[in-house]
Amino acid sequence: MLFFALGAAGTTIVIILAIVALLIVVLLASYVKAPPNTAFIITGPLKQRTLIGRAGFRIPGLERVDKIPLSLIQVDIKTASAVPTKEFINIFVDGVANIKIDSSPEALAKASQIFLQQNLEGIKAIAKEVLEGNMREIIGQMRLEELVHNRDLFAEKVKENAMQDMAKMGLQIINLTIQNFVDNNKVIENLGVDNIAQISKNASIARAQAERDVQIAQSEANEAANKARVDSERLIVEQNTVLSLRTAELKSQTDTAKAAADASYAIEEQKRLEEINIAKVNADIAKREREVELGQKEVELQERQLEAKVKKTADAQRYATEQNALAELYKRQKAAEAKKFEFVQEAEAQKAKAEADKYAAELEAAGILAKGKAEAEAIEKKAEAMKKMGEASVLELILNSNVLPEIVKAYSEPLAAAYGQIDNITMYGEGNTAKLAQEVTDNGSQLIQSLDKTLGIDLKSLLAGVLGTKLVDSVKKSQGNAAEEKTSENQAK
């Protein structure tokens, strides 16, 4: 039993040890450690993880580890074929770029989709194609002199232009260096001819000045020697003469050699100038062709700008016209409303005035009616009184007023109109006076008869009665006055 117990315990220990060993093996198999220059991409059923310069664990069999190098990658950039510059001069460019895969999470995610199965040479090839394409694009935008004299600017433009394309692949450009520019037409070499000629010219001038200074110094020395030898012997004078002649001969030889050298230099310089002029003519032709092409493109651009400007101007004018029309419509509506309000007010005022005029007219008509009624009643009462008075009132009206003279005047006016205004009448012959008196009497009789017919009364009878009554009244009055006087006298006695 003890052996069985020990055997069971030993089995358990073995199992435990086996499990521990298995765990250690699993841990060792799942443990990964990424160096600083390499990114470990762990993918599996869980979220993708990235390890750079640190350790981690993966699930064996379920997760895999891929490596992406983060070290510096040097890419040689060389244009395989000639690339035309802005002035259409074909050149070859040689440069070097240092790139690397960006270590940011977003860039690593992009790079893992593109370069995960690529080796270092594959990354170089892809980056080289992108950089060369951008280099060709920048070369076409710059002039040859700008490229040669300012390589840093050219490299910076290529770097800026390629940075966007490289960033889409998770790459970044550390630096870019342009090493050399080459052209088959020796245009770059000809660009330095002017500098070389200028340097040669300065050297010739310096050499001539140095020779002149030497000659001046030599002459001064000879002059001093001659002055020192004045008091010397004749032999010394002769030797000085021979020396002077020899010096002149040497100077002549020097001048001849110098003239030959200058002529050779002038010939060589003329050849160089001819080559430069030919290069300039070719460059001018290419420049003019480029200017013509640019002019055509500028004309097309100006046409498009003009078309856009005209369209915008037309839209603006149409909008302004619409706004002005709306404003004018609003103004006319308000004016119509104001005019309508004035018409309403004026109509109400006219209505009130008409009512007032109507009321005044009614009052005036009532007054006129009352006045006419009163006058009619007065006339009616007067007619009744005159009717009661009868012929006496008519006669009194004729006699006690100006009616009879007015009647006679009205009767005589036609005669005055017919015979004119007669101041006096002169008659000749016998019986004319009697005739005139008779006509006047007849006219008076006719007037009385007309009044009788018009008034419907016997005017002669009425006049006779009135005159008789007045005569009787006068007699009675005279008799009464006489009786009163007599009575007075009697009383006085």
Protein backbone atom coordinates (compact mmCIF):
# COMPACT_ATOMS: atom_id res chain seq x y z
CA MET A 1 0.00 0.00 0.00
CA LEU A 2 2.86 2.33 0.80
CA PHE A 3 4.44 1.53 -2.53
CA PHE A 4 1.18 2.21 -4.26
CA ALA A 5 0.87 5.52 -2.44
CA LEU A 6 4.43 6.47 -3.38
CA GLY A 7 3.77 5.44 -6.97
CA ALA A 8 0.66 7.61 -7.19
CA ALA A 9 2.50 10.58 -5.71
CA GLY A 10 5.37 10.12 -8.14
CA THR A 11 2.98 10.04 -11.06
CA THR A 12 1.41 13.25 -9.91
CA ILE A 13 4.78 14.91 -9.58
CA VAL A 14 5.74 13.75 -13.04
CA ILE A 15 2.54 15.13 -14.47
CA ILE A 16 3.07 18.41 -12.70
CA LEU A 17 6.62 18.61 -13.93
CA ALA A 18 5.48 17.80 -17.44
CA ILE A 19 2.84 20.52 -17.29
CA VAL A 20 5.37 23.02 -15.99
CA ALA A 21 7.80 22.06 -18.71
CA LEU A 22 5.06 22.37 -21.28
CA LEU A 23 4.16 25.84 -19.97
CA ILE A 24 7.80 26.86 -20.12
CA VAL A 25 8.05 25.65 -23.71
CA VAL A 26 4.83 27.48 -24.64
CA LEU A 27 6.06 30.65 -22.99
CA LEU A 28 9.39 30.43 -24.77
CA ALA A 29 7.65 29.77 -28.06
CA SER A 30 5.24 32.68 -27.59
CA TYR A 31 7.83 35.17 -26.34
CA VAL A 32 9.11 37.57 -29.00
CA LYS A 33 11.50 40.50 -28.70
CA ALA A 34 11.77 43.16 -31.41
CA PRO A 35 15.02 45.11 -31.93
CA PRO A 36 14.91 48.91 -32.37
CA ASN A 37 15.53 48.73 -36.13
CA THR A 38 12.77 46.18 -36.89
CA ALA A 39 9.00 46.26 -36.43
CA PHE A 40 7.26 43.00 -35.44
CA ILE A 41 3.70 42.83 -36.80
CA ILE A 42 1.61 40.34 -34.76
CA THR A 43 -1.64 39.34 -36.49
CA GLY A 44 -4.27 36.82 -35.48
CA PRO A 45 -7.80 36.56 -34.15
CA LEU A 46 -7.10 39.45 -31.78
CA LYS A 47 -6.31 43.05 -32.74
CA GLN A 48 -3.13 43.59 -34.77
CA ARG A 49 -0.17 44.61 -32.61
CA THR A 50 3.19 46.16 -33.38
CA LEU A 51 6.40 45.72 -31.38
CA ILE A 52 9.43 48.03 -31.88
CA GLY A 53 12.38 47.74 -29.51
CA ARG A 54 10.45 45.81 -26.84
CA ALA A 55 9.27 42.30 -25.98
CA GLY A 56 5.84 40.71 -26.12
CA PHE A 57 3.89 37.50 -26.39
CA ARG A 58 1.99 35.80 -29.17
CA ILE A 59 -0.31 32.82 -29.21
CA PRO A 60 1.50 30.00 -30.99
CA GLY A 61 -0.50 28.51 -33.80
CA LEU A 62 -3.10 31.33 -33.76
CA GLU A 63 -0.97 34.41 -34.26
CA ARG A 64 1.91 35.02 -36.66
CA VAL A 65 4.82 37.46 -36.52
CA ASP A 66 6.01 39.39 -39.60
CA LYS A 67 9.03 41.68 -39.68
CA ILE A 68 9.45 45.02 -41.39
CA PRO A 69 12.92 46.66 -41.38
CA LEU A 70 13.09 50.19 -40.01
CA SER A 71 16.75 50.80 -40.78
CA LEU A 72 17.98 53.37 -43.28
CA ILE A 73 17.64 52.34 -46.95
CA GLN A 74 19.87 53.99 -49.58
CA VAL A 75 18.34 54.32 -53.04
CA ASP A 76 20.35 55.33 -56.13
CA ILE A 77 18.33 57.62 -58.37
CA LYS A 78 19.52 57.73 -61.97
CA THR A 79 17.51 58.76 -64.98
CA ALA A 80 17.87 55.95 -67.51
CA SER A 81 16.97 58.26 -70.38
CA ALA A 82 17.48 61.97 -70.99
CA VAL A 83 14.87 64.27 -69.37
CA PRO A 84 14.03 67.65 -70.99
CA THR A 85 14.26 70.73 -68.77
CA LYS A 86 11.93 73.71 -68.89
CA GLU A 87 13.82 75.03 -71.94
CA PHE A 88 13.80 71.53 -73.56
CA ILE A 89 17.47 70.68 -72.92
CA ASN A 90 17.89 66.93 -72.42
CA ILE A 91 19.98 66.03 -69.35
CA PHE A 92 20.81 63.01 -67.21
CA VAL A 93 20.60 63.31 -63.40
CA ASP A 94 22.37 61.17 -60.83
CA GLY A 95 21.33 61.32 -57.17
CA VAL A 96 21.06 59.38 -53.91
CA ALA A 97 18.15 59.26 -51.45
CA ASN A 98 18.08 57.83 -47.93
CA ILE A 99 14.64 56.53 -46.97
CA LYS A 100 13.07 54.42 -44.23
CA ILE A 101 9.71 53.02 -43.21
CA ASP A 102 7.93 55.41 -40.88
CA SER A 103 7.49 54.00 -37.37
CA SER A 104 4.17 55.71 -36.65
CA PRO A 105 1.19 53.32 -36.26
CA GLU A 106 -0.64 54.73 -39.29
CA ALA A 107 2.45 54.51 -41.52
CA LEU A 108 3.26 50.99 -40.31
CA ALA A 109 -0.30 49.92 -41.12
CA LYS A 110 0.12 51.22 -44.70
CA ALA A 111 3.62 49.73 -45.05
CA SER A 112 2.50 46.36 -43.75
CA GLN A 113 -0.11 46.15 -46.53
CA ILE A 114 2.54 46.86 -49.22
CA PHE A 115 5.96 45.69 -48.03
CA LEU A 116 5.13 42.86 -45.63
CA GLN A 117 6.23 40.20 -48.12
CA GLN A 118 8.86 42.36 -49.83
CA ASN A 119 12.57 42.08 -49.17
CA LEU A 120 14.94 45.05 -48.98
CA GLU A 121 15.63 45.08 -52.72
CA GLY A 122 11.90 45.10 -53.50
CA ILE A 123 11.40 48.15 -51.24
CA LYS A 124 14.34 49.88 -52.96
CA ALA A 125 12.92 49.20 -56.41
CA ILE A 126 9.48 50.58 -55.54
CA ALA A 127 10.95 53.69 -53.88
CA LYS A 128 13.32 54.21 -56.82
CA GLU A 129 10.46 54.26 -59.34
CA VAL A 130 8.56 56.82 -57.26
CA LEU A 131 11.57 59.09 -56.72
CA GLU A 132 12.67 58.98 -60.36
CA GLY A 133 9.15 59.84 -61.52
CA ASN A 134 9.02 62.88 -59.23
CA MET A 135 12.55 63.86 -60.26
CA ARG A 136 11.51 63.86 -63.93
CA GLU A 137 8.51 66.03 -63.08
CA ILE A 138 10.62 68.63 -61.23
CA ILE A 139 13.28 68.69 -64.01
CA GLY A 140 10.58 69.69 -66.51
CA GLN A 141 9.62 72.63 -64.26
CA MET A 142 13.11 74.18 -63.86
CA ARG A 143 15.68 75.74 -66.13
CA LEU A 144 19.12 74.17 -66.64
CA GLU A 145 20.98 77.02 -64.95
CA GLU A 146 18.71 76.72 -61.89
CA LEU A 147 19.40 72.99 -61.71
CA VAL A 148 23.18 73.39 -62.00
CA HIS A 149 23.62 76.42 -59.74
CA ASN A 150 21.07 75.45 -57.05
CA ARG A 151 21.12 71.70 -56.55
CA ASP A 152 19.79 71.99 -53.00
CA LEU A 153 16.65 73.74 -54.23
CA PHE A 154 16.14 71.04 -56.87
CA ALA A 155 16.64 68.27 -54.31
CA GLU A 156 14.23 69.97 -51.87
CA LYS A 157 11.54 70.29 -54.56
CA VAL A 158 11.94 66.61 -55.51
CA LYS A 159 11.72 65.66 -51.83
CA GLU A 160 8.59 67.77 -51.24
CA ASN A 161 6.94 66.48 -54.41
CA ALA A 162 7.72 62.82 -53.65
CA MET A 163 6.87 63.03 -49.94
CA GLN A 164 3.13 62.65 -50.56
CA ASP A 165 3.54 59.56 -52.74
CA MET A 166 6.02 58.02 -50.29
CA ALA A 167 3.75 58.74 -47.31
CA LYS A 168 0.95 56.77 -48.99
CA MET A 169 3.22 53.71 -48.78
CA GLY A 170 4.34 54.42 -45.20
CA LEU A 171 7.78 55.62 -46.29
CA GLN A 172 9.60 58.82 -45.36
CA ILE A 173 12.52 60.54 -47.08
CA ILE A 174 15.40 61.29 -44.71
CA ASN A 175 17.49 63.21 -47.26
CA LEU A 176 18.04 63.49 -50.99
CA THR A 177 21.32 64.51 -52.64
CA ILE A 178 21.93 65.37 -56.32
CA GLN A 179 25.39 64.17 -57.34
CA ASN A 180 25.74 65.09 -60.99
CA PHE A 181 24.10 66.59 -64.11
CA VAL A 182 25.18 65.37 -67.57
CA ASP A 183 24.06 66.33 -71.09
CA ASN A 184 25.23 64.93 -74.43
CA ASN A 185 25.26 68.34 -76.14
CA LYS A 186 27.86 69.84 -73.75
CA VAL A 187 25.45 72.65 -72.80
CA ILE A 188 26.56 72.51 -69.15
CA GLU A 189 30.19 72.63 -70.27
CA ASN A 190 29.45 75.65 -72.46
CA LEU A 191 27.88 77.43 -69.51
CA GLY A 192 31.37 77.53 -67.95
CA VAL A 193 33.07 78.93 -71.05
CA ASP A 194 32.23 82.47 -70.07
CA ASN A 195 33.77 81.98 -66.62
CA ILE A 196 36.85 80.32 -68.14
CA ALA A 197 37.30 83.15 -70.63
CA GLN A 198 36.95 85.71 -67.87
CA ILE A 199 39.53 83.90 -65.73
CA SER A 200 41.94 83.66 -68.70
CA LYS A 201 41.43 87.33 -69.43
CA ASN A 202 42.24 88.28 -65.85
CA ALA A 203 45.32 86.02 -65.92
CA SER A 204 46.57 87.64 -69.15
CA ILE A 205 46.07 91.10 -67.70
CA ALA A 206 47.92 90.09 -64.55
CA ARG A 207 50.77 88.60 -66.59
CA ALA A 208 51.05 91.74 -68.72
CA GLN A 209 51.06 93.93 -65.65
CA ALA A 210 53.76 91.77 -64.05
CA GLU A 211 55.93 91.96 -67.17
CA ARG A 212 55.44 95.69 -67.30
CA ASP A 213 56.51 95.99 -63.66
CA VAL A 214 59.56 93.80 -64.38
CA GLN A 215 60.51 95.96 -67.33
CA ILE A 216 60.06 99.14 -65.32
CA ALA A 217 62.17 97.74 -62.51
CA GLN A 218 64.79 96.54 -64.99
CA SER A 219 64.92 99.95 -66.67
CA GLU A 220 65.28 101.64 -63.35
CA ALA A 221 68.09 99.26 -62.46
CA ASN A 222 69.78 99.85 -65.80
CA GLU A 223 69.44 103.57 -65.35
CA ALA A 224 71.03 103.36 -61.91
CA ALA A 225 73.82 101.13 -63.21
CA ASN A 226 74.47 103.50 -66.08
CA LYS A 227 74.68 106.41 -63.69
CA ALA A 228 77.11 104.42 -61.53
CA ARG A 229 79.27 103.56 -64.52
CA VAL A 230 79.51 107.13 -65.86
CA ASP A 231 82.82 107.63 -64.09
CA SER A 232 84.08 104.13 -65.05
CA GLU A 233 86.50 103.32 -67.69
CA ARG A 234 85.76 103.18 -71.36
CA LEU A 235 85.72 99.43 -71.31
CA ILE A 236 82.89 99.53 -68.89
CA VAL A 237 81.04 101.95 -71.20
CA GLU A 238 81.56 99.65 -74.16
CA GLN A 239 80.40 96.69 -72.15
CA ASN A 240 77.35 98.65 -71.12
CA THR A 241 76.68 99.45 -74.77
CA VAL A 242 76.95 95.77 -75.70
CA LEU A 243 74.73 94.91 -72.77
CA SER A 244 72.09 97.46 -73.85
CA LEU A 245 72.10 96.08 -77.37
CA ARG A 246 71.72 92.58 -76.05
CA THR A 247 68.91 93.66 -73.76
CA ALA A 248 67.09 95.30 -76.69
CA GLU A 249 67.46 92.15 -78.72
CA LEU A 250 66.11 90.01 -75.92
CA LYS A 251 63.20 92.41 -75.44
CA SER A 252 62.40 92.20 -79.14
CA GLN A 253 62.38 88.44 -78.94
CA THR A 254 60.15 88.58 -75.87
CA ASP A 255 57.70 90.93 -77.56
CA THR A 256 57.59 88.73 -80.65
CA ALA A 257 56.88 85.64 -78.57
CA LYS A 258 54.24 87.50 -76.60
CA ALA A 259 52.57 88.74 -79.81
CA ALA A 260 52.53 85.20 -81.20
CA ALA A 261 51.01 83.93 -77.95
CA ASP A 262 48.42 86.69 -77.95
CA ALA A 263 47.49 85.93 -81.57
CA SER A 264 47.15 82.22 -80.77
CA TYR A 265 45.03 83.04 -77.76
CA ALA A 266 42.84 85.37 -79.83
CA ILE A 267 42.31 82.63 -82.44
CA GLU A 268 41.38 80.11 -79.75
CA GLU A 269 39.14 82.64 -78.07
CA GLN A 270 37.37 83.33 -81.40
CA LYS A 271 36.71 79.60 -81.81
CA ARG A 272 35.26 79.43 -78.30
CA LEU A 273 33.06 82.45 -78.99
CA GLU A 274 31.74 80.83 -82.16
CA GLU A 275 30.85 77.67 -80.23
CA ILE A 276 29.19 79.77 -77.54
CA ASN A 277 27.21 81.73 -80.15
CA ILE A 278 26.02 78.49 -81.77
CA ALA A 279 24.92 77.17 -78.38
CA LYS A 280 23.16 80.47 -77.64
CA VAL A 281 21.36 80.39 -80.99
CA ASN A 282 20.16 76.83 -80.34
CA ALA A 283 19.10 77.81 -76.84
CA ASP A 284 17.25 80.87 -78.20
CA ILE A 285 15.44 78.70 -80.77
CA ALA A 286 14.38 76.24 -78.08
CA LYS A 287 13.39 79.14 -75.81
CA ARG A 288 11.26 80.74 -78.53
CA GLU A 289 9.55 77.44 -79.26
CA ARG A 290 8.83 77.10 -75.56
CA GLU A 291 7.57 80.69 -75.41
CA VAL A 292 5.23 80.03 -78.36
CA GLU A 293 3.86 76.96 -76.59
CA LEU A 294 3.49 78.88 -73.34
CA GLY A 295 1.82 81.75 -75.22
CA GLN A 296 -0.74 79.33 -76.69
CA LYS A 297 -1.42 77.91 -73.23
CA GLU A 298 -1.73 81.42 -71.79
CA VAL A 299 -4.20 82.36 -74.53
CA GLU A 300 -6.26 79.25 -73.72
CA LEU A 301 -6.11 80.12 -70.01
CA GLN A 302 -7.13 83.72 -70.68
CA GLU A 303 -10.02 82.50 -72.84
CA ARG A 304 -11.20 80.26 -70.00
CA GLN A 305 -10.79 83.07 -67.47
CA LEU A 306 -12.64 85.47 -69.75
CA GLU A 307 -15.42 82.94 -70.25
CA ALA A 308 -15.70 82.41 -66.47
CA LYS A 309 -15.54 86.17 -65.87
CA VAL A 310 -18.25 86.89 -68.46
CA LYS A 311 -20.42 84.14 -67.02
CA LYS A 312 -19.97 85.44 -63.46
CA THR A 313 -20.61 89.01 -64.65
CA ALA A 314 -23.78 87.91 -66.44
CA ASP A 315 -24.94 86.02 -63.33
CA ALA A 316 -24.20 89.07 -61.17
CA GLN A 317 -26.03 91.38 -63.57
CA ARG A 318 -28.97 89.00 -63.73
CA TYR A 319 -29.07 88.82 -59.93
CA ALA A 320 -28.79 92.63 -59.70
CA THR A 321 -31.58 93.02 -62.28
CA GLU A 322 -33.79 90.62 -60.34
CA GLN A 323 -33.09 92.47 -57.10
CA ASN A 324 -33.77 95.85 -58.75
CA ALA A 325 -37.00 94.49 -60.24
CA LEU A 326 -38.07 93.17 -56.82
CA ALA A 327 -37.16 96.51 -55.23
CA GLU A 328 -39.04 98.42 -57.95
CA LEU A 329 -42.05 96.08 -57.52
CA TYR A 330 -41.97 96.58 -53.75
CA LYS A 331 -41.66 100.35 -54.26
CA ARG A 332 -44.59 100.38 -56.70
CA GLN A 333 -46.68 98.24 -54.33
CA LYS A 334 -45.99 100.65 -51.47
CA ALA A 335 -46.71 103.63 -53.72
CA ALA A 336 -49.97 101.98 -54.86
CA GLU A 337 -50.92 101.29 -51.24
CA ALA A 338 -50.13 104.90 -50.30
CA LYS A 339 -52.08 106.19 -53.30
CA LYS A 340 -54.95 103.87 -52.44
CA PHE A 341 -54.90 105.18 -48.86
CA GLU A 342 -54.92 108.78 -50.19
CA PHE A 343 -57.80 107.95 -52.53
CA VAL A 344 -59.74 106.37 -49.63
CA GLN A 345 -59.08 109.40 -47.43
CA GLU A 346 -59.99 111.76 -50.25
CA ALA A 347 -63.15 109.76 -51.04
CA GLU A 348 -64.13 109.83 -47.37
CA ALA A 349 -63.46 113.59 -47.29
CA GLN A 350 -65.48 114.10 -50.48
CA LYS A 351 -68.23 111.90 -49.03
CA ALA A 352 -68.29 114.00 -45.84
CA LYS A 353 -68.23 117.21 -47.93
CA ALA A 354 -71.04 115.88 -50.13
CA GLU A 355 -73.07 115.07 -47.05
CA ALA A 356 -72.38 118.57 -45.68
CA ASP A 357 -73.24 120.17 -49.03
CA LYS A 358 -76.36 118.03 -49.18
CA TYR A 359 -77.37 119.16 -45.70
CA ALA A 360 -76.64 122.81 -46.60
CA ALA A 361 -78.55 122.40 -49.86
CA GLU A 362 -81.44 120.89 -47.94
CA LEU A 363 -81.36 123.82 -45.51
CA GLU A 364 -81.12 126.29 -48.40
CA ALA A 365 -83.94 124.52 -50.26
CA ALA A 366 -86.05 124.57 -47.10
CA GLY A 367 -85.33 128.33 -46.71
CA ILE A 368 -86.10 129.00 -50.36
CA LEU A 369 -89.26 126.91 -50.07
CA ALA A 370 -90.32 128.79 -46.94
CA LYS A 371 -89.49 132.14 -48.56
CA GLY A 372 -91.36 131.19 -51.74
CA LYS A 373 -94.26 129.98 -49.69
CA ALA A 374 -94.28 133.25 -47.74
CA GLU A 375 -94.01 135.32 -50.93
CA ALA A 376 -96.75 133.25 -52.52
CA GLU A 377 -98.98 133.79 -49.48
CA ALA A 378 -98.20 137.54 -49.57
CA ILE A 379 -98.97 137.73 -53.27
CA GLU A 380 -102.11 135.71 -52.72
CA LYS A 381 -103.21 138.02 -49.90
CA LYS A 382 -102.33 141.08 -51.98
CA ALA A 383 -104.32 139.67 -54.89
CA GLU A 384 -107.27 139.05 -52.60
CA ALA A 385 -107.03 142.64 -51.27
CA MET A 386 -106.78 144.03 -54.73
CA LYS A 387 -109.70 141.90 -55.77
CA LYS A 388 -111.71 143.35 -52.92
CA MET A 389 -110.65 146.87 -53.75
CA GLY A 390 -111.61 146.30 -57.40
CA GLU A 391 -111.14 148.95 -59.99
CA ALA A 392 -110.43 151.64 -57.42
CA SER A 393 -107.25 149.94 -56.30
CA VAL A 394 -106.11 149.50 -59.89
CA LEU A 395 -106.78 153.11 -60.63
CA GLU A 396 -105.04 154.18 -57.45
CA LEU A 397 -102.06 152.03 -58.43
CA ILE A 398 -101.94 153.74 -61.83
CA LEU A 399 -102.48 157.26 -60.57
CA ASN A 400 -100.56 157.20 -57.27
CA SER A 401 -97.47 155.49 -58.74
CA ASN A 402 -95.25 155.79 -61.77
CA VAL A 403 -97.10 153.09 -63.63
CA LEU A 404 -98.82 155.40 -66.11
CA PRO A 405 -95.62 157.34 -67.02
CA GLU A 406 -93.75 154.04 -67.39
CA ILE A 407 -96.54 152.74 -69.67
CA VAL A 408 -96.36 155.89 -71.78
CA LYS A 409 -92.53 155.66 -71.87
CA ALA A 410 -92.67 152.05 -72.95
CA TYR A 411 -95.21 152.97 -75.62
CA SER A 412 -93.04 155.82 -76.96
CA GLU A 413 -89.74 153.89 -77.03
CA PRO A 414 -90.57 152.11 -80.33
CA LEU A 415 -91.29 155.47 -81.91
CA ALA A 416 -87.98 156.88 -80.65
CA ALA A 417 -86.14 153.85 -82.03
CA ALA A 418 -87.88 154.27 -85.38
CA TYR A 419 -87.50 158.06 -85.77
CA GLY A 420 -84.35 158.59 -83.73
CA GLN A 421 -83.92 161.05 -80.92
CA ILE A 422 -85.99 164.16 -81.99
CA ASP A 423 -85.05 167.39 -80.23
CA ASN A 424 -87.35 169.70 -82.20
CA ILE A 425 -89.67 169.51 -85.21
CA THR A 426 -89.97 172.13 -87.93
CA MET A 427 -93.06 171.88 -90.11
CA TYR A 428 -93.86 173.70 -93.39
CA GLY A 429 -97.17 174.21 -95.06
CA GLU A 430 -100.68 174.63 -93.81
CA GLY A 431 -102.46 172.11 -91.63
CA ASN A 432 -99.31 170.23 -90.53
CA THR A 433 -99.54 171.41 -86.93
CA ALA A 434 -103.14 170.34 -86.72
CA LYS A 435 -102.16 166.96 -88.19
CA LEU A 436 -99.38 166.49 -85.65
CA ALA A 437 -101.72 167.37 -82.78
CA GLN A 438 -104.30 165.01 -84.20
CA GLU A 439 -101.69 162.15 -84.42
CA VAL A 440 -100.63 162.73 -80.85
CA THR A 441 -104.24 162.73 -79.74
CA ASP A 442 -104.92 159.57 -81.74
CA ASN A 443 -101.86 157.92 -80.27
CA GLY A 444 -103.05 158.85 -76.77
CA SER A 445 -106.46 157.42 -77.52
CA GLN A 446 -104.86 154.24 -78.84
CA LEU A 447 -102.77 154.03 -75.66
CA ILE A 448 -105.82 154.34 -73.46
CA GLN A 449 -107.64 151.72 -75.51
CA SER A 450 -104.64 149.35 -75.20
CA LEU A 451 -104.63 149.82 -71.43
CA ASP A 452 -108.33 149.15 -71.33
CA LYS A 453 -107.82 145.86 -73.20
CA THR A 454 -104.75 144.90 -71.17
CA LEU A 455 -106.17 145.71 -67.73
CA GLY A 456 -109.75 144.85 -68.56
CA ILE A 457 -111.10 148.14 -67.15
CA ASP A 458 -112.60 151.34 -68.57
CA LEU A 459 -109.80 153.76 -67.85
CA LYS A 460 -111.71 156.81 -69.16
CA SER A 461 -114.70 156.19 -66.89
CA LEU A 462 -112.46 155.60 -63.92
CA LEU A 463 -110.49 158.78 -64.60
CA ALA A 464 -113.76 160.74 -65.02
CA GLY A 465 -115.16 159.35 -61.78
CA VAL A 466 -111.98 160.04 -59.90
CA LEU A 467 -111.72 163.55 -61.26
CA GLY A 468 -115.37 164.20 -60.45
CA THR A 469 -115.00 162.90 -56.95
CA LYS A 470 -111.91 165.02 -56.42
CA LEU A 471 -113.77 168.08 -57.83
CA VAL A 472 -116.68 167.51 -55.47
CA ASP A 473 -114.34 167.01 -52.55
CA SER A 474 -112.53 170.19 -53.48
CA VAL A 475 -115.81 172.14 -53.66
CA LYS A 476 -116.96 170.73 -50.36
CA LYS A 477 -113.67 171.55 -48.80
CA SER A 478 -113.80 175.11 -50.15
CA GLN A 479 -117.39 175.53 -48.83
CA GLY A 480 -116.40 174.16 -45.46
CA ASN A 481 -113.45 176.49 -45.23
CA ALA A 482 -115.70 179.44 -46.16
CA ALA A 483 -118.27 178.46 -43.52
CA GLU A 484 -115.55 178.16 -40.89
CA GLU A 485 -114.17 181.54 -41.82
CA LYS A 486 -117.69 183.04 -41.62
CA THR A 487 -118.32 181.47 -38.24
CA SER A 488 -115.09 182.82 -37.00
CA GLU A 489 -115.95 186.25 -38.20
CA ASN A 490 -119.36 186.07 -36.50
CA GLN A 491 -117.78 184.98 -33.30
CA ALA A 492 -115.29 187.76 -33.62
CA LYS A 493 -118.07 190.26 -33.93
